[in-house]
Amino acid sequence: MTNAVHTSHTGHDHVHGEGCGHVAVPHGDHVDYVHDGHIHRVHGDHVDECEPAGHTEHTGSHDHVHGEGCGHVAVPHGDHVDYIHDGHRHASHAGHYDEH
């Protein structure tokens, strides 16, 4: 699993959880929520941005090409789109997929 940078998301009054209305994405030992164009997670009594630290290339074969209508949940993430696939998020990058 990719290590995430621990950056608190301030001014977040919404409580995430089952049925909160946001896309929930399993991510290692926690659940990320897609909210306001970014990804974050509940951490103790606050919410953290859940962004990967560094560049981590998806290892293993990935013959599937993600895109509109591919059948996987598309998650807007900054300047690109992540796709939820096999319990993780990844994005196309320079001829390979990166773990997010």
PDB file of N, CA and C in Angstrom:
ATOM      1  N   MET A   1       0.829  -1.175   0.000  1.00  0.00           N
ATOM      2  CA  MET A   1       0.000   0.000   0.000  1.00  0.00           C
ATOM      3  C   MET A   1       0.873   1.239   0.000  1.00  0.00           C
ATOM      4  N   THR A   2       0.425   2.261  -0.679  1.00  0.00           N
ATOM      5  CA  THR A   2       1.137   3.520  -0.755  1.00  0.00           C
ATOM      6  C   THR A   2       0.981   4.287   0.552  1.00  0.00           C
ATOM      7  N   ASN A   3       2.066   4.818   1.056  1.00  0.00           N
ATOM      8  CA  ASN A   3       1.980   5.662   2.241  1.00  0.00           C
ATOM      9  C   ASN A   3       1.345   6.981   1.859  1.00  0.00           C
ATOM     10  N   ALA A   4       0.512   7.499   2.721  1.00  0.00           N
ATOM     11  CA  ALA A   4      -0.155   8.765   2.451  1.00  0.00           C
ATOM     12  C   ALA A   4       0.471   9.858   3.300  1.00  0.00           C
ATOM     13  N   VAL A   5       0.425  11.063   2.781  1.00  0.00           N
ATOM     14  CA  VAL A   5       0.887  12.226   3.516  1.00  0.00           C
ATOM     15  C   VAL A   5      -0.195  12.579   4.528  1.00  0.00           C
ATOM     16  N   HIS A   6       0.191  12.853   5.778  1.00  0.00           N
ATOM     17  CA  HIS A   6      -0.772  13.185   6.826  1.00  0.00           C
ATOM     18  C   HIS A   6      -0.992  14.688   6.840  1.00  0.00           C
ATOM     19  N   THR A   7      -2.040  15.118   6.151  1.00  0.00           N
ATOM     20  CA  THR A   7      -2.401  16.528   6.099  1.00  0.00           C
ATOM     21  C   THR A   7      -3.865  16.657   6.491  1.00  0.00           C
ATOM     22  N   SER A   8      -4.136  17.349   7.590  1.00  0.00           N
ATOM     23  CA  SER A   8      -5.517  17.513   8.042  1.00  0.00           C
ATOM     24  C   SER A   8      -6.300  18.372   7.070  1.00  0.00           C
ATOM     25  N   HIS A   9      -7.538  17.984   6.864  1.00  0.00           N
ATOM     26  CA  HIS A   9      -8.476  18.755   6.045  1.00  0.00           C
ATOM     27  C   HIS A   9      -9.287  19.602   7.014  1.00  0.00           C
ATOM     28  N   THR A  10      -9.036  20.894   7.046  1.00  0.00           N
ATOM     29  CA  THR A  10      -9.692  21.776   8.008  1.00  0.00           C
ATOM     30  C   THR A  10     -11.039  22.256   7.495  1.00  0.00           C
ATOM     31  N   GLY A  11     -11.884  22.684   8.418  1.00  0.00           N
ATOM     32  CA  GLY A  11     -13.193  23.229   8.062  1.00  0.00           C
ATOM     33  C   GLY A  11     -14.112  22.195   7.457  1.00  0.00           C
ATOM     34  N   HIS A  12     -14.073  20.984   7.964  1.00  0.00           N
ATOM     35  CA  HIS A  12     -14.871  19.893   7.411  1.00  0.00           C
ATOM     36  C   HIS A  12     -15.927  19.489   8.420  1.00  0.00           C
ATOM     37  N   ASP A  13     -17.131  20.031   8.269  1.00  0.00           N
ATOM     38  CA  ASP A  13     -18.197  19.780   9.233  1.00  0.00           C
ATOM     39  C   ASP A  13     -18.990  18.510   8.927  1.00  0.00           C
ATOM     40  N   HIS A  14     -18.933  18.037   7.684  1.00  0.00           N
ATOM     41  CA  HIS A  14     -19.686  16.853   7.266  1.00  0.00           C
ATOM     42  C   HIS A  14     -19.106  15.597   7.917  1.00  0.00           C
ATOM     43  N   VAL A  15     -19.965  14.695   8.355  1.00  0.00           N
ATOM     44  CA  VAL A  15     -19.515  13.443   8.940  1.00  0.00           C
ATOM     45  C   VAL A  15     -19.654  12.349   7.890  1.00  0.00           C
ATOM     46  N   HIS A  16     -18.529  11.720   7.514  1.00  0.00           N
ATOM     47  CA  HIS A  16     -18.550  10.645   6.541  1.00  0.00           C
ATOM     48  C   HIS A  16     -18.855   9.315   7.205  1.00  0.00           C
ATOM     49  N   GLY A  17     -19.534   8.472   6.459  1.00  0.00           N
ATOM     50  CA  GLY A  17     -19.866   7.138   6.939  1.00  0.00           C
ATOM     51  C   GLY A  17     -20.882   6.524   6.012  1.00  0.00           C
ATOM     52  N   GLU A  18     -21.314   5.334   6.318  1.00  0.00           N
ATOM     53  CA  GLU A  18     -22.274   4.628   5.484  1.00  0.00           C
ATOM     54  C   GLU A  18     -23.518   5.480   5.256  1.00  0.00           C
ATOM     55  N   GLY A  19     -23.866   5.671   3.987  1.00  0.00           N
ATOM     56  CA  GLY A  19     -25.056   6.435   3.633  1.00  0.00           C
ATOM     57  C   GLY A  19     -24.881   7.939   3.654  1.00  0.00           C
ATOM     58  N   CYS A  20     -23.646   8.440   3.722  1.00  0.00           N
ATOM     59  CA  CYS A  20     -23.435   9.887   3.810  1.00  0.00           C
ATOM     60  C   CYS A  20     -23.626  10.598   2.470  1.00  0.00           C
ATOM     61  N   GLY A  21     -23.681   9.828   1.375  1.00  0.00           N
ATOM     62  CA  GLY A  21     -23.917  10.436   0.072  1.00  0.00           C
ATOM     63  C   GLY A  21     -22.673  10.631  -0.764  1.00  0.00           C
ATOM     64  N   HIS A  22     -21.507  10.274  -0.254  1.00  0.00           N
ATOM     65  CA  HIS A  22     -20.267  10.399  -1.011  1.00  0.00           C
ATOM     66  C   HIS A  22     -19.740   9.026  -1.385  1.00  0.00           C
ATOM     67  N   VAL A  23     -19.016   8.959  -2.494  1.00  0.00           N
ATOM     68  CA  VAL A  23     -18.437   7.688  -2.928  1.00  0.00           C
ATOM     69  C   VAL A  23     -17.428   7.237  -1.883  1.00  0.00           C
ATOM     70  N   ALA A  24     -17.587   6.004  -1.411  1.00  0.00           N
ATOM     71  CA  ALA A  24     -16.667   5.407  -0.440  1.00  0.00           C
ATOM     72  C   ALA A  24     -15.752   4.442  -1.181  1.00  0.00           C
ATOM     73  N   VAL A  25     -14.447   4.570  -0.950  1.00  0.00           N
ATOM     74  CA  VAL A  25     -13.455   3.753  -1.646  1.00  0.00           C
ATOM     75  C   VAL A  25     -12.584   3.027  -0.624  1.00  0.00           C
ATOM     76  N   PRO A  26     -12.648   1.689  -0.591  1.00  0.00           N
ATOM     77  CA  PRO A  26     -11.737   0.970   0.310  1.00  0.00           C
ATOM     78  C   PRO A  26     -10.292   1.290  -0.065  1.00  0.00           C
ATOM     79  N   HIS A  27      -9.446   1.562   0.937  1.00  0.00           N
ATOM     80  CA  HIS A  27      -8.060   1.944   0.687  1.00  0.00           C
ATOM     81  C   HIS A  27      -7.187   1.392   1.805  1.00  0.00           C
ATOM     82  N   GLY A  28      -6.659   0.203   1.597  1.00  0.00           N
ATOM     83  CA  GLY A  28      -5.819  -0.410   2.618  1.00  0.00           C
ATOM     84  C   GLY A  28      -6.609  -0.700   3.870  1.00  0.00           C
ATOM     85  N   ASP A  29      -6.232  -0.076   4.989  1.00  0.00           N
ATOM     86  CA  ASP A  29      -6.873  -0.336   6.274  1.00  0.00           C
ATOM     87  C   ASP A  29      -7.956   0.672   6.643  1.00  0.00           C
ATOM     88  N   HIS A  30      -8.399   1.483   5.662  1.00  0.00           N
ATOM     89  CA  HIS A  30      -9.412   2.493   5.937  1.00  0.00           C
ATOM     90  C   HIS A  30     -10.292   2.692   4.702  1.00  0.00           C
ATOM     91  N   VAL A  31     -11.210   3.641   4.786  1.00  0.00           N
ATOM     92  CA  VAL A  31     -12.081   3.982   3.670  1.00  0.00           C
ATOM     93  C   VAL A  31     -11.870   5.445   3.331  1.00  0.00           C
ATOM     94  N   ASP A  32     -11.649   5.730   2.047  1.00  0.00           N
ATOM     95  CA  ASP A  32     -11.559   7.106   1.566  1.00  0.00           C
ATOM     96  C   ASP A  32     -12.937   7.551   1.102  1.00  0.00           C
ATOM     97  N   TYR A  33     -13.165   8.860   1.139  1.00  0.00           N
ATOM     98  CA  TYR A  33     -14.409   9.432   0.637  1.00  0.00           C
ATOM     99  C   TYR A  33     -14.071  10.500  -0.389  1.00  0.00           C
ATOM    100  N   VAL A  34     -14.811  10.481  -1.489  1.00  0.00           N
ATOM    101  CA  VAL A  34     -14.645  11.477  -2.543  1.00  0.00           C
ATOM    102  C   VAL A  34     -15.560  12.637  -2.194  1.00  0.00           C
ATOM    103  N   HIS A  35     -14.983  13.820  -2.032  1.00  0.00           N
ATOM    104  CA  HIS A  35     -15.746  14.969  -1.565  1.00  0.00           C
ATOM    105  C   HIS A  35     -15.120  16.247  -2.094  1.00  0.00           C
ATOM    106  N   ASP A  36     -15.906  17.051  -2.769  1.00  0.00           N
ATOM    107  CA  ASP A  36     -15.460  18.350  -3.286  1.00  0.00           C
ATOM    108  C   ASP A  36     -14.223  18.235  -4.172  1.00  0.00           C
ATOM    109  N   GLY A  37     -14.147  17.189  -4.996  1.00  0.00           N
ATOM    110  CA  GLY A  37     -13.065  17.049  -5.960  1.00  0.00           C
ATOM    111  C   GLY A  37     -11.761  16.514  -5.406  1.00  0.00           C
ATOM    112  N   HIS A  38     -11.782  16.008  -4.191  1.00  0.00           N
ATOM    113  CA  HIS A  38     -10.566  15.423  -3.644  1.00  0.00           C
ATOM    114  C   HIS A  38     -10.934  14.215  -2.806  1.00  0.00           C
ATOM    115  N   ILE A  39      -9.925  13.537  -2.297  1.00  0.00           N
ATOM    116  CA  ILE A  39     -10.099  12.295  -1.563  1.00  0.00           C
ATOM    117  C   ILE A  39      -9.619  12.501  -0.129  1.00  0.00           C
ATOM    118  N   HIS A  40     -10.447  12.126   0.828  1.00  0.00           N
ATOM    119  CA  HIS A  40      -9.992  12.191   2.207  1.00  0.00           C
ATOM    120  C   HIS A  40     -10.590  11.071   3.034  1.00  0.00           C
ATOM    121  N   ARG A  41     -10.088  10.960   4.257  1.00  0.00           N
ATOM    122  CA  ARG A  41     -10.475   9.867   5.146  1.00  0.00           C
ATOM    123  C   ARG A  41     -10.681  10.378   6.557  1.00  0.00           C
ATOM    124  N   VAL A  42     -11.512   9.664   7.296  1.00  0.00           N
ATOM    125  CA  VAL A  42     -11.706   9.970   8.707  1.00  0.00           C
ATOM    126  C   VAL A  42     -10.511   9.413   9.460  1.00  0.00           C
ATOM    127  N   HIS A  43      -9.931  10.234  10.322  1.00  0.00           N
ATOM    128  CA  HIS A  43      -8.756   9.824  11.091  1.00  0.00           C
ATOM    129  C   HIS A  43      -8.902  10.364  12.501  1.00  0.00           C
ATOM    130  N   GLY A  44      -9.320   9.496  13.416  1.00  0.00           N
ATOM    131  CA  GLY A  44      -9.538   9.950  14.792  1.00  0.00           C
ATOM    132  C   GLY A  44     -10.698  10.925  14.853  1.00  0.00           C
ATOM    133  N   ASP A  45     -10.433  12.117  15.366  1.00  0.00           N
ATOM    134  CA  ASP A  45     -11.487  13.116  15.513  1.00  0.00           C
ATOM    135  C   ASP A  45     -11.455  14.176  14.415  1.00  0.00           C
ATOM    136  N   HIS A  46     -10.733  13.895  13.307  1.00  0.00           N
ATOM    137  CA  HIS A  46     -10.649  14.855  12.214  1.00  0.00           C
ATOM    138  C   HIS A  46     -10.604  14.113  10.879  1.00  0.00           C
ATOM    139  N   VAL A  47     -10.498  14.858   9.814  1.00  0.00           N
ATOM    140  CA  VAL A  47     -10.447  14.302   8.462  1.00  0.00           C
ATOM    141  C   VAL A  47      -9.104  14.669   7.849  1.00  0.00           C
ATOM    142  N   ASP A  48      -8.431  13.702   7.228  1.00  0.00           N
ATOM    143  CA  ASP A  48      -7.150  13.927   6.557  1.00  0.00           C
ATOM    144  C   ASP A  48      -7.316  13.807   5.053  1.00  0.00           C
ATOM    145  N   GLU A  49      -6.533  14.596   4.327  1.00  0.00           N
ATOM    146  CA  GLU A  49      -6.412  14.378   2.901  1.00  0.00           C
ATOM    147  C   GLU A  49      -5.741  13.021   2.734  1.00  0.00           C
ATOM    148  N   CYS A  50      -6.165  12.245   1.761  1.00  0.00           N
ATOM    149  CA  CYS A  50      -5.549  10.937   1.558  1.00  0.00           C
ATOM    150  C   CYS A  50      -4.884  10.942   0.189  1.00  0.00           C
ATOM    151  N   GLU A  51      -3.682  11.458   0.164  1.00  0.00           N
ATOM    152  CA  GLU A  51      -2.916  11.573  -1.070  1.00  0.00           C
ATOM    153  C   GLU A  51      -1.665  10.726  -0.977  1.00  0.00           C
ATOM    154  N   PRO A  52      -1.311  10.077  -2.068  1.00  0.00           N
ATOM    155  CA  PRO A  52      -0.106   9.248  -2.036  1.00  0.00           C
ATOM    156  C   PRO A  52       1.150  10.099  -1.861  1.00  0.00           C
ATOM    157  N   ALA A  53       2.129   9.529  -1.198  1.00  0.00           N
ATOM    158  CA  ALA A  53       3.422  10.190  -1.044  1.00  0.00           C
ATOM    159  C   ALA A  53       4.345   9.621  -2.108  1.00  0.00           C
ATOM    160  N   GLY A  54       4.720  10.429  -3.063  1.00  0.00           N
ATOM    161  CA  GLY A  54       5.618   9.970  -4.117  1.00  0.00           C
ATOM    162  C   GLY A  54       4.890   9.268  -5.246  1.00  0.00           C
ATOM    163  N   HIS A  55       5.642   8.679  -6.118  1.00  0.00           N
ATOM    164  CA  HIS A  55       5.136   8.026  -7.313  1.00  0.00           C
ATOM    165  C   HIS A  55       5.250   6.520  -7.141  1.00  0.00           C
ATOM    166  N   THR A  56       4.115   5.824  -7.100  1.00  0.00           N
ATOM    167  CA  THR A  56       4.116   4.375  -6.936  1.00  0.00           C
ATOM    168  C   THR A  56       3.420   3.741  -8.130  1.00  0.00           C
ATOM    169  N   GLU A  57       4.187   3.039  -8.928  1.00  0.00           N
ATOM    170  CA  GLU A  57       3.649   2.387 -10.114  1.00  0.00           C
ATOM    171  C   GLU A  57       2.933   1.098  -9.724  1.00  0.00           C
ATOM    172  N   HIS A  58       1.768   0.853 -10.344  1.00  0.00           N
ATOM    173  CA  HIS A  58       1.017  -0.377 -10.126  1.00  0.00           C
ATOM    174  C   HIS A  58       1.837  -1.542 -10.662  1.00  0.00           C
ATOM    175  N   THR A  59       2.091  -2.523  -9.813  1.00  0.00           N
ATOM    176  CA  THR A  59       2.856  -3.686 -10.244  1.00  0.00           C
ATOM    177  C   THR A  59       1.902  -4.793 -10.664  1.00  0.00           C
ATOM    178  N   GLY A  60       2.384  -5.686 -11.467  1.00  0.00           N
ATOM    179  CA  GLY A  60       1.543  -6.766 -11.960  1.00  0.00           C
ATOM    180  C   GLY A  60       0.912  -6.380 -13.283  1.00  0.00           C
ATOM    181  N   SER A  61       0.258  -7.340 -13.892  1.00  0.00           N
ATOM    182  CA  SER A  61      -0.343  -7.075 -15.199  1.00  0.00           C
ATOM    183  C   SER A  61      -1.643  -6.304 -15.043  1.00  0.00           C
ATOM    184  N   HIS A  62      -1.906  -5.482 -16.008  1.00  0.00           N
ATOM    185  CA  HIS A  62      -3.151  -4.717 -16.037  1.00  0.00           C
ATOM    186  C   HIS A  62      -3.537  -4.544 -17.502  1.00  0.00           C
ATOM    187  N   ASP A  63      -4.218  -5.543 -18.024  1.00  0.00           N
ATOM    188  CA  ASP A  63      -4.582  -5.529 -19.443  1.00  0.00           C
ATOM    189  C   ASP A  63      -5.797  -4.668 -19.734  1.00  0.00           C
ATOM    190  N   HIS A  64      -6.590  -4.382 -18.727  1.00  0.00           N
ATOM    191  CA  HIS A  64      -7.803  -3.589 -18.889  1.00  0.00           C
ATOM    192  C   HIS A  64      -7.447  -2.114 -19.115  1.00  0.00           C
ATOM    193  N   VAL A  65      -8.135  -1.465 -20.035  1.00  0.00           N
ATOM    194  CA  VAL A  65      -7.930  -0.032 -20.272  1.00  0.00           C
ATOM    195  C   VAL A  65      -9.111   0.717 -19.667  1.00  0.00           C
ATOM    196  N   HIS A  66      -8.827   1.628 -18.748  1.00  0.00           N
ATOM    197  CA  HIS A  66      -9.886   2.401 -18.112  1.00  0.00           C
ATOM    198  C   HIS A  66     -10.273   3.589 -18.972  1.00  0.00           C
ATOM    199  N   GLY A  67     -11.541   3.929 -18.897  1.00  0.00           N
ATOM    200  CA  GLY A  67     -12.071   5.076 -19.617  1.00  0.00           C
ATOM    201  C   GLY A  67     -13.578   5.088 -19.496  1.00  0.00           C
ATOM    202  N   GLU A  68     -14.206   6.052 -20.116  1.00  0.00           N
ATOM    203  CA  GLU A  68     -15.650   6.187 -20.047  1.00  0.00           C
ATOM    204  C   GLU A  68     -16.329   4.884 -20.458  1.00  0.00           C
ATOM    205  N   GLY A  69     -17.208   4.390 -19.600  1.00  0.00           N
ATOM    206  CA  GLY A  69     -17.949   3.182 -19.893  1.00  0.00           C
ATOM    207  C   GLY A  69     -17.200   1.887 -19.658  1.00  0.00           C
ATOM    208  N   CYS A  70     -16.052   1.930 -18.972  1.00  0.00           N
ATOM    209  CA  CYS A  70     -15.246   0.713 -18.764  1.00  0.00           C
ATOM    210  C   CYS A  70     -15.834  -0.201 -17.691  1.00  0.00           C
ATOM    211  N   GLY A  71     -16.783   0.310 -16.912  1.00  0.00           N
ATOM    212  CA  GLY A  71     -17.411  -0.511 -15.893  1.00  0.00           C
ATOM    213  C   GLY A  71     -16.870  -0.321 -14.496  1.00  0.00           C
ATOM    214  N   HIS A  72     -15.862   0.522 -14.321  1.00  0.00           N
ATOM    215  CA  HIS A  72     -15.313   0.794 -12.998  1.00  0.00           C
ATOM    216  C   HIS A  72     -15.694   2.206 -12.569  1.00  0.00           C
ATOM    217  N   VAL A  73     -15.797   2.406 -11.268  1.00  0.00           N
ATOM    218  CA  VAL A  73     -16.150   3.719 -10.744  1.00  0.00           C
ATOM    219  C   VAL A  73     -15.022   4.694 -11.042  1.00  0.00           C
ATOM    220  N   ALA A  74     -15.374   5.815 -11.671  1.00  0.00           N
ATOM    221  CA  ALA A  74     -14.418   6.872 -11.987  1.00  0.00           C
ATOM    222  C   ALA A  74     -14.482   7.922 -10.882  1.00  0.00           C
ATOM    223  N   VAL A  75     -13.311   8.312 -10.375  1.00  0.00           N
ATOM    224  CA  VAL A  75     -13.225   9.264  -9.281  1.00  0.00           C
ATOM    225  C   VAL A  75     -12.380  10.452  -9.724  1.00  0.00           C
ATOM    226  N   PRO A  76     -12.991  11.645  -9.903  1.00  0.00           N
ATOM    227  CA  PRO A  76     -12.182  12.815 -10.226  1.00  0.00           C
ATOM    228  C   PRO A  76     -11.157  13.042  -9.119  1.00  0.00           C
ATOM    229  N   HIS A  77      -9.898  13.272  -9.523  1.00  0.00           N
ATOM    230  CA  HIS A  77      -8.822  13.427  -8.545  1.00  0.00           C
ATOM    231  C   HIS A  77      -7.826  14.443  -9.081  1.00  0.00           C
ATOM    232  N   GLY A  78      -8.004  15.692  -8.693  1.00  0.00           N
ATOM    233  CA  GLY A  78      -7.107  16.754  -9.167  1.00  0.00           C
ATOM    234  C   GLY A  78      -7.226  16.926 -10.661  1.00  0.00           C
ATOM    235  N   ASP A  79      -6.114  16.753 -11.386  1.00  0.00           N
ATOM    236  CA  ASP A  79      -6.099  16.989 -12.833  1.00  0.00           C
ATOM    237  C   ASP A  79      -6.292  15.711 -13.651  1.00  0.00           C
ATOM    238  N   HIS A  80      -6.741  14.621 -13.015  1.00  0.00           N
ATOM    239  CA  HIS A  80      -6.941  13.358 -13.718  1.00  0.00           C
ATOM    240  C   HIS A  80      -8.113  12.599 -13.094  1.00  0.00           C
ATOM    241  N   VAL A  81      -8.335  11.395 -13.561  1.00  0.00           N
ATOM    242  CA  VAL A  81      -9.399  10.547 -13.030  1.00  0.00           C
ATOM    243  C   VAL A  81      -8.782   9.248 -12.530  1.00  0.00           C
ATOM    244  N   ASP A  82      -9.108   8.867 -11.302  1.00  0.00           N
ATOM    245  CA  ASP A  82      -8.728   7.569 -10.769  1.00  0.00           C
ATOM    246  C   ASP A  82      -9.869   6.600 -11.056  1.00  0.00           C
ATOM    247  N   TYR A  83      -9.531   5.318 -11.127  1.00  0.00           N
ATOM    248  CA  TYR A  83     -10.535   4.277 -11.289  1.00  0.00           C
ATOM    249  C   TYR A  83     -10.404   3.286 -10.153  1.00  0.00           C
ATOM    250  N   ILE A  84     -11.539   2.888  -9.589  1.00  0.00           N
ATOM    251  CA  ILE A  84     -11.553   1.897  -8.528  1.00  0.00           C
ATOM    252  C   ILE A  84     -11.570   0.529  -9.194  1.00  0.00           C
ATOM    253  N   HIS A  85     -10.556  -0.279  -8.879  1.00  0.00           N
ATOM    254  CA  HIS A  85     -10.383  -1.564  -9.531  1.00  0.00           C
ATOM    255  C   HIS A  85      -9.702  -2.525  -8.570  1.00  0.00           C
ATOM    256  N   ASP A  86     -10.325  -3.651  -8.332  1.00  0.00           N
ATOM    257  CA  ASP A  86      -9.762  -4.688  -7.452  1.00  0.00           C
ATOM    258  C   ASP A  86      -9.408  -4.152  -6.063  1.00  0.00           C
ATOM    259  N   GLY A  87     -10.269  -3.291  -5.512  1.00  0.00           N
ATOM    260  CA  GLY A  87     -10.086  -2.814  -4.148  1.00  0.00           C
ATOM    261  C   GLY A  87      -9.091  -1.691  -3.967  1.00  0.00           C
ATOM    262  N   HIS A  88      -8.685  -1.043  -5.047  1.00  0.00           N
ATOM    263  CA  HIS A  88      -7.782   0.100  -4.909  1.00  0.00           C
ATOM    264  C   HIS A  88      -8.073   1.114  -6.010  1.00  0.00           C
ATOM    265  N   ARG A  89      -7.451   2.279  -5.877  1.00  0.00           N
ATOM    266  CA  ARG A  89      -7.604   3.335  -6.877  1.00  0.00           C
ATOM    267  C   ARG A  89      -6.325   3.417  -7.679  1.00  0.00           C
ATOM    268  N   HIS A  90      -6.474   3.573  -8.981  1.00  0.00           N
ATOM    269  CA  HIS A  90      -5.283   3.860  -9.767  1.00  0.00           C
ATOM    270  C   HIS A  90      -5.623   4.744 -10.951  1.00  0.00           C
ATOM    271  N   ALA A  91      -4.589   5.321 -11.536  1.00  0.00           N
ATOM    272  CA  ALA A  91      -4.761   6.270 -12.623  1.00  0.00           C
ATOM    273  C   ALA A  91      -3.730   6.005 -13.707  1.00  0.00           C
ATOM    274  N   SER A  92      -4.140   6.240 -14.939  1.00  0.00           N
ATOM    275  CA  SER A  92      -3.236   6.091 -16.069  1.00  0.00           C
ATOM    276  C   SER A  92      -2.169   7.181 -15.998  1.00  0.00           C
ATOM    277  N   HIS A  93      -0.901   6.778 -16.264  1.00  0.00           N
ATOM    278  CA  HIS A  93       0.189   7.740 -16.207  1.00  0.00           C
ATOM    279  C   HIS A  93       1.348   7.259 -17.082  1.00  0.00           C
ATOM    280  N   ALA A  94       1.626   7.961 -18.159  1.00  0.00           N
ATOM    281  CA  ALA A  94       2.795   7.718 -19.005  1.00  0.00           C
ATOM    282  C   ALA A  94       2.974   6.246 -19.402  1.00  0.00           C
ATOM    283  N   GLY A  95       1.883   5.625 -19.856  1.00  0.00           N
ATOM    284  CA  GLY A  95       1.978   4.252 -20.355  1.00  0.00           C
ATOM    285  C   GLY A  95       1.863   3.172 -19.298  1.00  0.00           C
ATOM    286  N   HIS A  96       1.587   3.542 -18.040  1.00  0.00           N
ATOM    287  CA  HIS A  96       1.372   2.569 -16.980  1.00  0.00           C
ATOM    288  C   HIS A  96       0.293   3.115 -16.039  1.00  0.00           C
ATOM    289  N   TYR A  97      -0.011   2.381 -14.985  1.00  0.00           N
ATOM    290  CA  TYR A  97      -0.964   2.849 -13.975  1.00  0.00           C
ATOM    291  C   TYR A  97      -0.221   3.121 -12.676  1.00  0.00           C
ATOM    292  N   ASP A  98      -0.607   4.204 -12.007  1.00  0.00           N
ATOM    293  CA  ASP A  98      -0.063   4.546 -10.700  1.00  0.00           C
ATOM    294  C   ASP A  98      -1.063   4.169  -9.632  1.00  0.00           C
ATOM    295  N   GLU A  99      -0.556   3.693  -8.497  1.00  0.00           N
ATOM    296  CA  GLU A  99      -1.408   3.447  -7.332  1.00  0.00           C
ATOM    297  C   GLU A  99      -1.727   4.788  -6.680  1.00  0.00           C
ATOM    298  N   HIS A 100      -2.967   4.940  -6.305  1.00  0.00           N
ATOM    299  CA  HIS A 100      -3.370   6.125  -5.557  1.00  0.00           C
ATOM    300  C   HIS A 100      -4.099   5.617  -4.376  1.00  0.00           C
TER     301      HIS A 100
END
